[in-house]
Amino acid sequence: MAVRKIFYANDPKLRQKAKKVKDFGPHLKKLADDMLETMRQANGLGLAGPQIGVMQRIFVVEIPEDSEDPNRGQSYAIVNPEFTQLSPEMEEGQEGCLSIPNWYGLVNRHQWVQVKAKDVYGRNIKLNADGLLARAFQHEYDHLNGVLFIDHISDKEKLWQVLPEEEASAEQTDEENTKETVPLTLEPMATPTA
């Protein structure tokens, strides 16, 4: 497995729509393994192809072992995903992104989703996801369409920056409320292109 370079929000690739995967097999499995390794190295929860410059409809997700989610410890490599059902109920939750380091925000997502996709060998799969897994699937799916989590946030009060030294300080003192809110300074993003 190899660790790949993660592209940041100012890279135009992150605003493009990824193409459907047509070639399956060991090379795609290796790509998924590299993506998982890259995501783990960066302490992420998910990673989509465009985030490493691969403009294909593939993403990986892994719920950490220490999470309370029932899917904790499981890894997913999802290829050519389509949502077949989305819950009518929405839930606001905190998100961050490896392509926008140190920024976090509150994003409304569907509480549960049903996904139809393929695995890395081209076999059909169908998954039902709720909670953190559903949120991660929706976040990564957005990447495949040139959408970033910040695009879902219209209220700047729901977006904040946590500087690395503040994160370390918060971990040392184990106090949740020691993080300071920083006003949004990100440049406006262009609209996704097909």
C-alpha atoms as a PDB file:
ATOM      1  CA  MET A   1       0.000   0.000   0.000  1.00  0.00           C
ATOM      2  CA  ALA A   2       1.140   3.513  -0.768  1.00  0.00           C
ATOM      3  CA  VAL A   3       0.215   6.846   0.738  1.00  0.00           C
ATOM      4  CA  ARG A   4      -1.046   9.230  -1.941  1.00  0.00           C
ATOM      5  CA  LYS A   5      -0.947  13.035  -2.017  1.00  0.00           C
ATOM      6  CA  ILE A   6      -4.203  14.639  -0.855  1.00  0.00           C
ATOM      7  CA  PHE A   7      -5.418  17.560  -2.967  1.00  0.00           C
ATOM      8  CA  TYR A   8      -6.695  20.659  -1.176  1.00  0.00           C
ATOM      9  CA  ALA A   9      -9.840  22.720  -1.729  1.00  0.00           C
ATOM     10  CA  ASN A  10      -8.204  25.212  -4.093  1.00  0.00           C
ATOM     11  CA  ASP A  11      -7.414  22.438  -6.617  1.00  0.00           C
ATOM     12  CA  PRO A  12      -9.853  22.545  -9.559  1.00  0.00           C
ATOM     13  CA  LYS A  13     -10.071  18.723  -9.639  1.00  0.00           C
ATOM     14  CA  LEU A  14     -12.149  18.861  -6.463  1.00  0.00           C
ATOM     15  CA  ARG A  15     -14.792  20.832  -8.365  1.00  0.00           C
ATOM     16  CA  GLN A  16     -15.134  18.372 -11.237  1.00  0.00           C
ATOM     17  CA  LYS A  17     -17.508  15.449 -11.550  1.00  0.00           C
ATOM     18  CA  ALA A  18     -15.724  12.087 -11.429  1.00  0.00           C
ATOM     19  CA  LYS A  19     -16.215   9.547 -14.207  1.00  0.00           C
ATOM     20  CA  LYS A  20     -17.794   6.129 -13.800  1.00  0.00           C
ATOM     21  CA  VAL A  21     -15.336   3.289 -13.159  1.00  0.00           C
ATOM     22  CA  LYS A  22     -15.310   0.796 -16.043  1.00  0.00           C
ATOM     23  CA  ASP A  23     -12.240  -1.347 -15.245  1.00  0.00           C
ATOM     24  CA  PHE A  24     -12.412  -3.540 -12.159  1.00  0.00           C
ATOM     25  CA  GLY A  25      -9.994  -6.014 -10.620  1.00  0.00           C
ATOM     26  CA  PRO A  26      -6.661  -6.129  -8.757  1.00  0.00           C
ATOM     27  CA  HIS A  27      -5.553  -2.641  -9.896  1.00  0.00           C
ATOM     28  CA  LEU A  28      -8.759  -1.112  -8.461  1.00  0.00           C
ATOM     29  CA  LYS A  29      -8.300  -3.123  -5.250  1.00  0.00           C
ATOM     30  CA  LYS A  30      -4.774  -1.671  -4.976  1.00  0.00           C
ATOM     31  CA  LEU A  31      -6.161   1.837  -5.489  1.00  0.00           C
ATOM     32  CA  ALA A  32      -8.752   1.247  -2.727  1.00  0.00           C
ATOM     33  CA  ASP A  33      -6.014  -0.089  -0.414  1.00  0.00           C
ATOM     34  CA  ASP A  34      -3.859   2.981  -1.133  1.00  0.00           C
ATOM     35  CA  MET A  35      -6.848   5.223  -0.436  1.00  0.00           C
ATOM     36  CA  LEU A  36      -7.510   3.520   2.902  1.00  0.00           C
ATOM     37  CA  GLU A  37      -3.831   3.818   3.869  1.00  0.00           C
ATOM     38  CA  THR A  38      -3.774   7.503   2.844  1.00  0.00           C
ATOM     39  CA  MET A  39      -6.974   8.171   4.812  1.00  0.00           C
ATOM     40  CA  ARG A  40      -5.656   6.395   7.925  1.00  0.00           C
ATOM     41  CA  GLN A  41      -2.309   8.217   7.730  1.00  0.00           C
ATOM     42  CA  ALA A  42      -4.193  11.528   7.665  1.00  0.00           C
ATOM     43  CA  ASN A  43      -6.547  10.477  10.509  1.00  0.00           C
ATOM     44  CA  GLY A  44      -9.581  10.632   8.249  1.00  0.00           C
ATOM     45  CA  LEU A  45     -12.901   8.818   8.151  1.00  0.00           C
ATOM     46  CA  GLY A  46     -13.293   8.714   4.367  1.00  0.00           C
ATOM     47  CA  LEU A  47     -11.551   9.590   1.131  1.00  0.00           C
ATOM     48  CA  ALA A  48     -12.836   9.950  -2.428  1.00  0.00           C
ATOM     49  CA  GLY A  49     -10.921   9.452  -5.679  1.00  0.00           C
ATOM     50  CA  PRO A  50     -10.880  13.161  -6.629  1.00  0.00           C
ATOM     51  CA  GLN A  51      -9.179  13.984  -3.317  1.00  0.00           C
ATOM     52  CA  ILE A  52      -6.078  12.150  -4.546  1.00  0.00           C
ATOM     53  CA  GLY A  53      -6.425  13.304  -8.146  1.00  0.00           C
ATOM     54  CA  VAL A  54      -8.140  10.116  -9.376  1.00  0.00           C
ATOM     55  CA  MET A  55     -11.191  11.312 -11.272  1.00  0.00           C
ATOM     56  CA  GLN A  56     -13.156   8.087 -10.861  1.00  0.00           C
ATOM     57  CA  ARG A  57     -16.299   7.336  -8.881  1.00  0.00           C
ATOM     58  CA  ILE A  58     -14.734   5.494  -5.975  1.00  0.00           C
ATOM     59  CA  PHE A  59     -14.553   6.287  -2.280  1.00  0.00           C
ATOM     60  CA  VAL A  60     -13.479   4.542   0.893  1.00  0.00           C
ATOM     61  CA  VAL A  61     -14.862   4.895   4.413  1.00  0.00           C
ATOM     62  CA  GLU A  62     -13.756   3.390   7.699  1.00  0.00           C
ATOM     63  CA  ILE A  63     -15.530   4.027  10.992  1.00  0.00           C
ATOM     64  CA  PRO A  64     -12.970   4.171  13.840  1.00  0.00           C
ATOM     65  CA  GLU A  65     -12.915   1.359  16.404  1.00  0.00           C
ATOM     66  CA  ASP A  66     -13.515   3.803  19.271  1.00  0.00           C
ATOM     67  CA  SER A  67     -16.730   5.133  17.712  1.00  0.00           C
ATOM     68  CA  GLU A  68     -20.126   4.202  19.138  1.00  0.00           C
ATOM     69  CA  ASP A  69     -21.387   3.518  15.610  1.00  0.00           C
ATOM     70  CA  PRO A  70     -22.461  -0.134  15.096  1.00  0.00           C
ATOM     71  CA  ASN A  71     -20.304  -0.192  11.942  1.00  0.00           C
ATOM     72  CA  ARG A  72     -17.117   0.682  13.827  1.00  0.00           C
ATOM     73  CA  GLY A  73     -13.956  -1.008  12.617  1.00  0.00           C
ATOM     74  CA  GLN A  74     -15.407  -1.832   9.201  1.00  0.00           C
ATOM     75  CA  SER A  75     -13.847  -0.613   5.957  1.00  0.00           C
ATOM     76  CA  TYR A  76     -15.818   0.092   2.801  1.00  0.00           C
ATOM     77  CA  ALA A  77     -14.629   0.580  -0.785  1.00  0.00           C
ATOM     78  CA  ILE A  78     -17.602   1.864  -2.784  1.00  0.00           C
ATOM     79  CA  VAL A  79     -17.480   2.089  -6.585  1.00  0.00           C
ATOM     80  CA  ASN A  80     -20.009   3.853  -8.853  1.00  0.00           C
ATOM     81  CA  PRO A  81     -22.426   4.550  -5.981  1.00  0.00           C
ATOM     82  CA  GLU A  82     -26.042   5.609  -6.386  1.00  0.00           C
ATOM     83  CA  PHE A  83     -28.426   6.463  -3.571  1.00  0.00           C
ATOM     84  CA  THR A  84     -31.598   4.456  -4.093  1.00  0.00           C
ATOM     85  CA  GLN A  85     -33.324   5.769  -0.962  1.00  0.00           C
ATOM     86  CA  LEU A  86     -32.741   8.718   1.375  1.00  0.00           C
ATOM     87  CA  SER A  87     -34.524   9.257   4.662  1.00  0.00           C
ATOM     88  CA  PRO A  88     -36.885  12.216   4.727  1.00  0.00           C
ATOM     89  CA  GLU A  89     -35.485  13.054   8.184  1.00  0.00           C
ATOM     90  CA  MET A  90     -32.398  15.241   8.247  1.00  0.00           C
ATOM     91  CA  GLU A  91     -29.863  15.586  11.030  1.00  0.00           C
ATOM     92  CA  GLU A  92     -27.288  18.293  11.648  1.00  0.00           C
ATOM     93  CA  GLY A  93     -23.827  17.013  12.534  1.00  0.00           C
ATOM     94  CA  GLN A  94     -20.205  18.094  12.621  1.00  0.00           C
ATOM     95  CA  GLU A  95     -18.016  17.411   9.590  1.00  0.00           C
ATOM     96  CA  GLY A  96     -14.465  18.080   8.534  1.00  0.00           C
ATOM     97  CA  CYS A  97     -12.538  17.177   5.399  1.00  0.00           C
ATOM     98  CA  LEU A  98      -9.001  16.045   4.608  1.00  0.00           C
ATOM     99  CA  SER A  99      -9.039  18.472   1.657  1.00  0.00           C
ATOM    100  CA  ILE A 100      -9.917  21.415   3.940  1.00  0.00           C
ATOM    101  CA  PRO A 101      -7.660  20.792   6.947  1.00  0.00           C
ATOM    102  CA  ASN A 102      -8.521  22.354  10.311  1.00  0.00           C
ATOM    103  CA  TRP A 103     -11.980  23.527   9.209  1.00  0.00           C
ATOM    104  CA  TYR A 104     -15.172  22.055  10.663  1.00  0.00           C
ATOM    105  CA  GLY A 105     -18.823  22.789  10.193  1.00  0.00           C
ATOM    106  CA  LEU A 106     -22.372  21.728  10.974  1.00  0.00           C
ATOM    107  CA  VAL A 107     -23.999  20.073   7.970  1.00  0.00           C
ATOM    108  CA  ASN A 108     -27.534  18.744   7.492  1.00  0.00           C
ATOM    109  CA  ARG A 109     -27.561  15.202   6.081  1.00  0.00           C
ATOM    110  CA  HIS A 110     -30.139  12.457   5.640  1.00  0.00           C
ATOM    111  CA  GLN A 111     -30.307  10.234   8.735  1.00  0.00           C
ATOM    112  CA  TRP A 112     -30.125   7.046   6.676  1.00  0.00           C
ATOM    113  CA  VAL A 113     -29.377   6.098   3.092  1.00  0.00           C
ATOM    114  CA  GLN A 114     -29.577   3.066   0.864  1.00  0.00           C
ATOM    115  CA  VAL A 115     -26.708   2.712  -1.600  1.00  0.00           C
ATOM    116  CA  LYS A 116     -26.435   0.621  -4.727  1.00  0.00           C
ATOM    117  CA  ALA A 117     -22.838   0.263  -5.968  1.00  0.00           C
ATOM    118  CA  LYS A 118     -20.127  -2.129  -7.058  1.00  0.00           C
ATOM    119  CA  ASP A 119     -17.146  -3.506  -5.203  1.00  0.00           C
ATOM    120  CA  VAL A 120     -13.597  -3.282  -6.582  1.00  0.00           C
ATOM    121  CA  TYR A 121     -14.132  -6.503  -8.554  1.00  0.00           C
ATOM    122  CA  GLY A 122     -17.311  -5.238 -10.225  1.00  0.00           C
ATOM    123  CA  ARG A 123     -19.779  -7.229  -8.115  1.00  0.00           C
ATOM    124  CA  ASN A 124     -23.080  -5.539  -7.285  1.00  0.00           C
ATOM    125  CA  ILE A 125     -23.537  -4.483  -3.670  1.00  0.00           C
ATOM    126  CA  LYS A 126     -26.410  -2.862  -1.785  1.00  0.00           C
ATOM    127  CA  LEU A 127     -25.898  -1.221   1.597  1.00  0.00           C
ATOM    128  CA  ASN A 128     -28.160   0.375   4.173  1.00  0.00           C
ATOM    129  CA  ALA A 129     -26.378   2.934   6.321  1.00  0.00           C
ATOM    130  CA  ASP A 130     -27.437   5.184   9.148  1.00  0.00           C
ATOM    131  CA  GLY A 131     -25.743   7.418  11.683  1.00  0.00           C
ATOM    132  CA  LEU A 132     -22.083   8.239  11.135  1.00  0.00           C
ATOM    133  CA  LEU A 133     -21.752   5.780   8.248  1.00  0.00           C
ATOM    134  CA  ALA A 134     -24.642   7.419   6.359  1.00  0.00           C
ATOM    135  CA  ARG A 135     -23.085  10.850   6.937  1.00  0.00           C
ATOM    136  CA  ALA A 136     -19.691   9.634   5.683  1.00  0.00           C
ATOM    137  CA  PHE A 137     -21.237   8.049   2.567  1.00  0.00           C
ATOM    138  CA  GLN A 138     -23.048  11.314   1.738  1.00  0.00           C
ATOM    139  CA  HIS A 139     -19.905  13.405   2.338  1.00  0.00           C
ATOM    140  CA  GLU A 140     -17.762  11.198   0.071  1.00  0.00           C
ATOM    141  CA  TYR A 141     -20.495  10.925  -2.565  1.00  0.00           C
ATOM    142  CA  ASP A 142     -20.509  14.727  -2.731  1.00  0.00           C
ATOM    143  CA  HIS A 143     -16.788  14.651  -3.585  1.00  0.00           C
ATOM    144  CA  LEU A 144     -17.590  12.518  -6.629  1.00  0.00           C
ATOM    145  CA  ASN A 145     -19.823  15.348  -7.858  1.00  0.00           C
ATOM    146  CA  GLY A 146     -17.449  18.249  -7.174  1.00  0.00           C
ATOM    147  CA  VAL A 147     -19.196  19.291  -3.952  1.00  0.00           C
ATOM    148  CA  LEU A 148     -17.451  20.083  -0.650  1.00  0.00           C
ATOM    149  CA  PHE A 149     -19.062  20.034   2.795  1.00  0.00           C
ATOM    150  CA  ILE A 150     -18.673  23.806   3.066  1.00  0.00           C
ATOM    151  CA  ASP A 151     -21.081  24.170   0.118  1.00  0.00           C
ATOM    152  CA  HIS A 152     -23.890  22.977   2.414  1.00  0.00           C
ATOM    153  CA  ILE A 153     -23.232  25.698   4.990  1.00  0.00           C
ATOM    154  CA  SER A 154     -24.845  29.089   4.433  1.00  0.00           C
ATOM    155  CA  ASP A 155     -24.564  30.348   8.016  1.00  0.00           C
ATOM    156  CA  LYS A 156     -20.917  31.295   8.669  1.00  0.00           C
ATOM    157  CA  GLU A 157     -21.540  30.782  12.391  1.00  0.00           C
ATOM    158  CA  LYS A 158     -21.755  27.047  11.621  1.00  0.00           C
ATOM    159  CA  LEU A 159     -18.242  26.920  10.167  1.00  0.00           C
ATOM    160  CA  TRP A 160     -15.089  27.296  12.243  1.00  0.00           C
ATOM    161  CA  GLN A 161     -11.359  26.723  12.186  1.00  0.00           C
ATOM    162  CA  VAL A 162      -9.418  24.794  14.798  1.00  0.00           C
ATOM    163  CA  LEU A 163      -5.704  25.445  14.623  1.00  0.00           C
ATOM    164  CA  PRO A 164      -3.447  22.397  15.261  1.00  0.00           C
ATOM    165  CA  GLU A 165      -2.033  23.836  18.504  1.00  0.00           C
ATOM    166  CA  GLU A 166      -5.581  24.419  19.795  1.00  0.00           C
ATOM    167  CA  GLU A 167      -6.475  20.813  18.924  1.00  0.00           C
ATOM    168  CA  ALA A 168      -3.453  19.517  20.865  1.00  0.00           C
ATOM    169  CA  SER A 169      -4.266  21.800  23.782  1.00  0.00           C
ATOM    170  CA  ALA A 170      -7.887  20.601  23.836  1.00  0.00           C
ATOM    171  CA  GLU A 171      -6.719  16.974  23.867  1.00  0.00           C
ATOM    172  CA  GLN A 172      -4.301  17.649  26.721  1.00  0.00           C
ATOM    173  CA  THR A 173      -6.867  19.433  28.878  1.00  0.00           C
ATOM    174  CA  ASP A 174      -9.695  17.184  27.689  1.00  0.00           C
ATOM    175  CA  GLU A 175     -12.059  20.149  27.555  1.00  0.00           C
ATOM    176  CA  GLU A 176     -14.411  20.356  24.585  1.00  0.00           C
ATOM    177  CA  ASN A 177     -15.049  24.098  24.841  1.00  0.00           C
ATOM    178  CA  THR A 178     -11.451  25.336  24.624  1.00  0.00           C
ATOM    179  CA  LYS A 179     -11.613  25.629  20.822  1.00  0.00           C
ATOM    180  CA  GLU A 180     -11.895  29.165  19.550  1.00  0.00           C
ATOM    181  CA  THR A 181     -14.168  29.994  16.642  1.00  0.00           C
ATOM    182  CA  VAL A 182     -12.397  31.757  13.774  1.00  0.00           C
ATOM    183  CA  PRO A 183     -14.430  33.627  11.149  1.00  0.00           C
ATOM    184  CA  LEU A 184     -14.668  32.079   7.702  1.00  0.00           C
ATOM    185  CA  THR A 185     -11.832  33.220   5.429  1.00  0.00           C
ATOM    186  CA  LEU A 186     -12.102  30.608   2.689  1.00  0.00           C
ATOM    187  CA  GLU A 187     -12.405  31.935  -0.844  1.00  0.00           C
ATOM    188  CA  PRO A 188     -15.764  31.356  -2.564  1.00  0.00           C
ATOM    189  CA  MET A 189     -15.689  28.200  -4.662  1.00  0.00           C
ATOM    190  CA  ALA A 190     -16.718  27.880  -8.277  1.00  0.00           C
ATOM    191  CA  THR A 191     -19.751  25.798  -9.179  1.00  0.00           C
ATOM    192  CA  PRO A 192     -19.131  22.115  -9.889  1.00  0.00           C
ATOM    193  CA  THR A 193     -18.542  21.231 -13.521  1.00  0.00           C
ATOM    194  CA  ALA A 194     -19.670  18.095 -15.303  1.00  0.00           C
END
